[in-house]
Every structure is written in C-alpha cells, then in structure tokens.
C-alpha atoms as a PDB file:
ATOM      1  CA  MET A   1      -8.662-145.817  34.459  1.00  0.00           C
ATOM      2  CA  LYS A   2     -10.077-147.319  31.253  1.00  0.00           C
ATOM      3  CA  THR A   3     -13.451-145.647  31.874  1.00  0.00           C
ATOM      4  CA  PHE A   4     -11.742-142.298  32.461  1.00  0.00           C
ATOM      5  CA  ILE A   5      -9.860-142.517  29.137  1.00  0.00           C
ATOM      6  CA  GLN A   6     -13.020-143.524  27.255  1.00  0.00           C
ATOM      7  CA  THR A   7     -14.933-140.634  28.822  1.00  0.00           C
ATOM      8  CA  LEU A   8     -12.127-138.236  27.938  1.00  0.00           C
ATOM      9  CA  TRP A   9     -12.179-139.382  24.299  1.00  0.00           C
ATOM     10  CA  VAL A  10     -15.957-138.970  24.078  1.00  0.00           C
ATOM     11  CA  MET A  11     -15.677-135.459  25.527  1.00  0.00           C
ATOM     12  CA  LEU A  12     -12.891-134.501  23.097  1.00  0.00           C
ATOM     13  CA  ILE A  13     -14.823-135.787  20.092  1.00  0.00           C
ATOM     14  CA  GLY A  14     -17.955-133.973  21.249  1.00  0.00           C
ATOM     15  CA  LEU A  15     -16.004-130.749  21.713  1.00  0.00           C
ATOM     16  CA  ALA A  16     -14.470-131.071  18.241  1.00  0.00           C
ATOM     17  CA  VAL A  17     -17.900-131.575  16.665  1.00  0.00           C
ATOM     18  CA  LEU A  18     -19.210-128.465  18.399  1.00  0.00           C
ATOM     19  CA  LEU A  19     -16.266-126.184  17.656  1.00  0.00           C
ATOM     20  CA  LEU A  20     -15.043-127.162  14.196  1.00  0.00           C
ATOM     21  CA  PRO A  21     -16.428-125.144  11.284  1.00  0.00           C
ATOM     22  CA  LYS A  22     -19.340-126.723   9.498  1.00  0.00           C
ATOM     23  CA  MET A  23     -20.093-126.715   5.802  1.00  0.00           C
ATOM     24  CA  ALA A  24     -23.755-126.089   5.093  1.00  0.00           C
ATOM     25  CA  TYR A  25     -25.054-128.329   2.342  1.00  0.00           C
ATOM     26  CA  ALA A  26     -27.478-126.588  -0.002  1.00  0.00           C
ATOM     27  CA  ALA A  27     -28.046-128.602  -3.149  1.00  0.00           C
ATOM     28  CA  GLU A  28     -26.815-131.073  -5.723  1.00  0.00           C
ATOM     29  CA  ILE A  29     -26.343-130.482  -9.444  1.00  0.00           C
ATOM     30  CA  GLN A  30     -26.206-133.430 -11.838  1.00  0.00           C
ATOM     31  CA  MET A  31     -23.735-133.153 -14.728  1.00  0.00           C
ATOM     32  CA  GLY A  32     -25.576-134.778 -17.636  1.00  0.00           C
ATOM     33  CA  SER A  33     -29.194-135.803 -17.209  1.00  0.00           C
ATOM     34  CA  GLU A  34     -31.757-137.870 -19.136  1.00  0.00           C
ATOM     35  CA  GLY A  35     -29.358-138.362 -22.043  1.00  0.00           C
ATOM     36  CA  MET A  36     -28.734-134.628 -22.423  1.00  0.00           C
ATOM     37  CA  LEU A  37     -25.585-132.527 -22.031  1.00  0.00           C
ATOM     38  CA  VAL A  38     -27.033-130.307 -19.290  1.00  0.00           C
ATOM     39  CA  PHE A  39     -26.616-129.345 -15.684  1.00  0.00           C
ATOM     40  CA  GLU A  40     -29.710-130.377 -13.741  1.00  0.00           C
ATOM     41  CA  PRO A  41     -30.795-127.995 -12.347  1.00  0.00           C
ATOM     42  CA  CYS A  42     -29.088-125.357 -14.477  1.00  0.00           C
ATOM     43  CA  GLU A  43     -30.211-122.494 -12.212  1.00  0.00           C
ATOM     44  CA  LEU A  44     -30.199-122.536  -8.449  1.00  0.00           C
ATOM     45  CA  THR A  45     -30.325-120.145  -5.486  1.00  0.00           C
ATOM     46  CA  VAL A  46     -28.378-120.768  -2.261  1.00  0.00           C
ATOM     47  CA  ALA A  47     -27.382-118.753   0.807  1.00  0.00           C
ATOM     48  CA  VAL A  48     -23.903-117.391   1.485  1.00  0.00           C
ATOM     49  CA  GLY A  49     -21.768-120.087   3.130  1.00  0.00           C
ATOM     50  CA  GLU A  50     -23.670-122.999   1.630  1.00  0.00           C
ATOM     51  CA  SER A  51     -22.155-125.594  -0.664  1.00  0.00           C
ATOM     52  CA  VAL A  52     -23.307-127.203  -3.881  1.00  0.00           C
ATOM     53  CA  THR A  53     -22.288-130.742  -4.776  1.00  0.00           C
ATOM     54  CA  PHE A  54     -21.669-131.406  -8.467  1.00  0.00           C
ATOM     55  CA  VAL A  55     -22.283-135.052  -9.407  1.00  0.00           C
ATOM     56  CA  ASN A  56     -20.951-136.642 -12.587  1.00  0.00           C
ATOM     57  CA  ASN A  57     -24.041-138.370 -13.920  1.00  0.00           C
ATOM     58  CA  GLU A  58     -24.336-139.081 -17.655  1.00  0.00           C
ATOM     59  CA  LEU A  59     -22.375-138.580 -20.883  1.00  0.00           C
ATOM     60  CA  PRO A  60     -18.957-137.808 -19.324  1.00  0.00           C
ATOM     61  CA  PRO A  61     -16.404-136.340 -19.242  1.00  0.00           C
ATOM     62  CA  HIS A  62     -17.504-133.156 -17.484  1.00  0.00           C
ATOM     63  CA  ASN A  63     -15.947-130.329 -15.546  1.00  0.00           C
ATOM     64  CA  VAL A  64     -17.219-127.078 -14.041  1.00  0.00           C
ATOM     65  CA  MET A  65     -15.584-123.802 -14.959  1.00  0.00           C
ATOM     66  CA  PHE A  66     -16.765-120.561 -13.343  1.00  0.00           C
ATOM     67  CA  ASP A  67     -16.619-117.176 -15.081  1.00  0.00           C
ATOM     68  CA  GLU A  68     -14.715-114.163 -13.729  1.00  0.00           C
ATOM     69  CA  PRO A  69     -14.299-113.181 -10.958  1.00  0.00           C
ATOM     70  CA  TYR A  70     -14.918-116.655  -9.498  1.00  0.00           C
ATOM     71  CA  GLN A  71     -12.503-118.816 -11.553  1.00  0.00           C
ATOM     72  CA  GLN A  72     -10.799-120.042  -8.364  1.00  0.00           C
ATOM     73  CA  LEU A  73     -13.921-122.158  -7.670  1.00  0.00           C
ATOM     74  CA  SER A  74     -13.544-124.034 -10.962  1.00  0.00           C
ATOM     75  CA  HIS A  75     -12.961-127.764 -11.119  1.00  0.00           C
ATOM     76  CA  SER A  76     -10.950-128.053 -14.330  1.00  0.00           C
ATOM     77  CA  ASP A  77     -10.130-131.761 -14.036  1.00  0.00           C
ATOM     78  CA  LEU A  78     -12.448-133.859 -16.154  1.00  0.00           C
ATOM     79  CA  ALA A  79     -14.716-136.252 -14.277  1.00  0.00           C
ATOM     80  CA  PHE A  80     -14.955-139.552 -16.145  1.00  0.00           C
ATOM     81  CA  THR A  81     -16.494-141.831 -13.523  1.00  0.00           C
ATOM     82  CA  SER A  82     -20.245-141.856 -12.945  1.00  0.00           C
ATOM     83  CA  GLY A  83     -21.015-140.771  -9.397  1.00  0.00           C
ATOM     84  CA  GLU A  84     -17.806-138.773  -8.979  1.00  0.00           C
ATOM     85  CA  THR A  85     -18.524-135.639  -6.919  1.00  0.00           C
ATOM     86  CA  PHE A  86     -16.981-132.405  -5.773  1.00  0.00           C
ATOM     87  CA  ASP A  87     -18.267-129.596  -3.571  1.00  0.00           C
ATOM     88  CA  VAL A  88     -18.114-125.852  -4.100  1.00  0.00           C
ATOM     89  CA  VAL A  89     -18.654-123.495  -1.149  1.00  0.00           C
ATOM     90  CA  PHE A  90     -20.029-120.020  -1.934  1.00  0.00           C
ATOM     91  CA  GLU A  91     -18.633-117.410   0.469  1.00  0.00           C
ATOM     92  CA  LYS A  92     -19.869-114.226  -1.247  1.00  0.00           C
ATOM     93  CA  ALA A  93     -23.224-113.068  -2.568  1.00  0.00           C
ATOM     94  CA  GLY A  94     -23.471-112.809  -6.341  1.00  0.00           C
ATOM     95  CA  ASP A  95     -24.323-114.629  -9.546  1.00  0.00           C
ATOM     96  CA  TYR A  96     -21.902-117.446 -10.350  1.00  0.00           C
ATOM     97  CA  TYR A  97     -22.041-118.405 -14.043  1.00  0.00           C
ATOM     98  CA  PHE A  98     -20.464-121.732 -14.958  1.00  0.00           C
ATOM     99  CA  GLN A  99     -20.106-124.191 -17.822  1.00  0.00           C
ATOM    100  CA  CYS A 100     -18.718-127.575 -18.742  1.00  0.00           C
ATOM    101  CA  ASP A 101     -15.813-126.745 -21.055  1.00  0.00           C
ATOM    102  CA  PRO A 102     -16.075-129.856 -23.266  1.00  0.00           C
ATOM    103  CA  HIS A 103     -19.833-129.304 -23.753  1.00  0.00           C
ATOM    104  CA  ALA A 104     -20.296-125.521 -23.558  1.00  0.00           C
ATOM    105  CA  GLY A 105     -21.026-125.423 -27.301  1.00  0.00           C
ATOM    106  CA  ALA A 106     -23.918-127.831 -26.682  1.00  0.00           C
ATOM    107  CA  GLY A 107     -25.338-125.418 -24.099  1.00  0.00           C
ATOM    108  CA  MET A 108     -24.090-127.104 -20.920  1.00  0.00           C
ATOM    109  CA  LYS A 109     -24.132-123.929 -18.814  1.00  0.00           C
ATOM    110  CA  GLY A 110     -25.709-122.721 -15.619  1.00  0.00           C
ATOM    111  CA  VAL A 111     -25.871-120.094 -12.903  1.00  0.00           C
ATOM    112  CA  ILE A 112     -25.946-120.208  -9.127  1.00  0.00           C
ATOM    113  CA  HIS A 113     -27.436-117.176  -7.371  1.00  0.00           C
ATOM    114  CA  VAL A 114     -25.948-116.668  -3.920  1.00  0.00           C
ATOM    115  CA  GLU A 115     -27.895-114.443  -1.531  1.00  0.00           C
END
C-alpha cells in the first residue's frame, strides 16, 4: 500500500508540472550598477510571454514605474535590500518604457521591447 501511495504522489506531481502554466524567463535587469544610478541593461528585447527579473543591486532605494498604458506592471514599493527581486511578465507586444521614480532625474530610465 505504501508503494502505491508513493507512486500516486509521484504521478500527481509529474502531472502538475506538465499541466500548470509556466513562466518563461527572459532576462535580468540590475537596478544600480558600477556605482551609477542606472538600469543595467537599460534596453532589452524579449518575446511575448517572457518575464524580466529586476534585481536591486546598488545605491538603493529603487522601484520600477512603467509609463502608460502599462502602469499596472509597475512595482511602486521601494526596494531597500540588496538582492531583492521582482518579476514582470510581458503579455503584449510593444515598447515598455520605465523609470526609477527616486532617480529618474539622474537618468535612471529604460525600455523593454516585447516582440
């Protein structure tokens, strides 16, 4: 009976892995790099359905705010801890312009092209 239950669990886990939606990982963007208030890279191209991971790197605090019509993807909370991350999934083709609100005046801006 124990073997049957273990086999059943393995089959259920395998089925879940096959059927659950998957998030395609595309790239990582560092927030603050080499002592500069920048996104690195500041321009990037990904495919529809892929995600980008934003990583709090240097000179925090940082956030990521997207321009219209994509404001719902924004991460307005400030990231203070080095290594803190969040993912953004891009479901539609287009150019997604973004900035770090506290450092936009210093030029901390970028664009993600989604094809």
